[in-house]
């Protein structure tokens, strides 16, 4: 179960991208940091988060809670159009 009230989606915060509640840390940063090999302890120190914050981000992603177009990252990683020439 995702701990209640750990993830916020508000159009006035980070363009409506899911963030850790009470911070401006996007869920995508937490997930990207884990994917890049950071440990949860490193993420907690770097972004001043709790284990529950990280756990909520991972569970939310696993359950597809952030897959709607409204919560998609407007700046996905990958080559920019300028890189394709």
Protein backbone atom coordinates (compact mmCIF):
# COMPACT_ATOMS: atom_id res chain seq x y z
CA UNK A 1 0.00 0.00 0.00
CA UNK A 2 1.22 3.49 -0.83
CA UNK A 3 1.49 5.56 2.35
CA UNK A 4 -1.22 8.21 2.21
CA UNK A 5 -0.40 11.79 1.31
CA UNK A 6 3.24 11.22 0.30
CA UNK A 7 2.85 12.16 -3.39
CA UNK A 8 1.28 15.42 -4.56
CA UNK A 9 0.13 16.45 -8.02
CA UNK A 10 -0.64 20.15 -8.20
CA UNK A 11 -0.62 22.27 -11.38
CA UNK A 12 0.97 25.09 -9.36
CA UNK A 13 3.95 22.93 -8.35
CA UNK A 14 6.51 21.72 -10.91
CA UNK A 15 4.01 22.08 -13.79
CA UNK A 16 1.72 19.43 -12.32
CA UNK A 17 4.35 16.72 -12.26
CA UNK A 18 4.11 14.32 -9.28
CA UNK A 19 6.33 15.49 -6.43
CA UNK A 20 7.10 14.31 -2.93
CA UNK A 21 4.55 16.18 -0.79
CA UNK A 22 5.99 19.14 1.08
CA UNK A 23 8.94 19.38 -1.30
CA UNK A 24 9.55 20.36 -4.89
CA UNK A 25 11.35 17.05 -5.56
CA UNK A 26 9.73 15.39 -8.58
CA UNK A 27 9.01 11.68 -8.36
CA UNK A 28 10.90 11.36 -11.67
CA UNK A 29 14.08 12.60 -9.93
CA UNK A 30 13.73 9.98 -7.20
CA UNK A 31 13.09 7.20 -9.73
CA UNK A 32 15.85 8.40 -12.05
CA UNK A 33 18.32 8.54 -9.17
CA UNK A 34 17.49 4.95 -8.23
CA UNK A 35 17.82 3.86 -11.87
CA UNK A 36 21.21 5.58 -12.05
CA UNK A 37 22.44 3.50 -9.13
CA UNK A 38 22.03 5.82 -6.14
CA UNK A 39 21.12 4.07 -2.91
CA UNK A 40 18.08 5.11 -0.94
CA UNK A 41 20.40 6.47 1.77
CA UNK A 42 22.14 8.68 -0.81
CA UNK A 43 18.79 9.91 -2.13
CA UNK A 44 17.55 10.64 1.39
CA UNK A 45 20.64 12.73 2.11
CA UNK A 46 20.72 14.48 -1.27
CA UNK A 47 17.04 15.49 -1.34
CA UNK A 48 16.17 15.46 2.39
CA UNK A 49 13.57 12.71 1.95
CA UNK A 50 12.42 9.80 4.08
CA UNK A 51 12.41 6.10 3.28
CA UNK A 52 8.60 6.36 3.09
CA UNK A 53 8.92 9.09 0.40
CA UNK A 54 11.14 6.88 -1.75
CA UNK A 55 8.96 3.83 -1.17
CA UNK A 56 5.86 5.79 -2.21
CA UNK A 57 7.51 6.96 -5.43
CA UNK A 58 8.54 3.42 -6.37
CA UNK A 59 5.16 1.88 -5.53
CA UNK A 60 3.31 4.60 -7.40
CA UNK A 61 5.41 3.98 -10.49
CA UNK A 62 4.97 0.20 -10.24
CA UNK A 63 1.21 0.65 -10.09
CA UNK A 64 1.15 3.01 -13.06
CA UNK A 65 -0.15 5.98 -11.08
CA UNK A 66 2.05 8.45 -12.95
CA UNK A 67 1.36 7.24 -16.49
CA UNK A 68 -1.37 9.67 -17.50
CA UNK A 69 -0.49 12.42 -20.00
CA UNK A 70 -1.25 15.01 -17.32
CA UNK A 71 1.56 13.68 -15.14
CA UNK A 72 4.06 12.81 -17.86
CA UNK A 73 7.46 14.41 -17.64
CA UNK A 74 7.40 17.34 -20.09
CA UNK A 75 11.17 17.05 -20.47
CA UNK A 76 11.85 13.35 -21.02
CA UNK A 77 15.43 12.22 -21.25
CA UNK A 78 16.74 11.50 -24.68
CA UNK A 79 18.18 13.30 -27.66
CA UNK A 80 16.82 16.71 -28.42
CA UNK A 81 15.65 17.51 -31.97
CA UNK A 82 18.86 19.55 -32.39
CA UNK A 83 20.91 16.39 -31.68
CA UNK A 84 19.31 14.51 -34.56
CA UNK A 85 20.88 16.54 -37.35
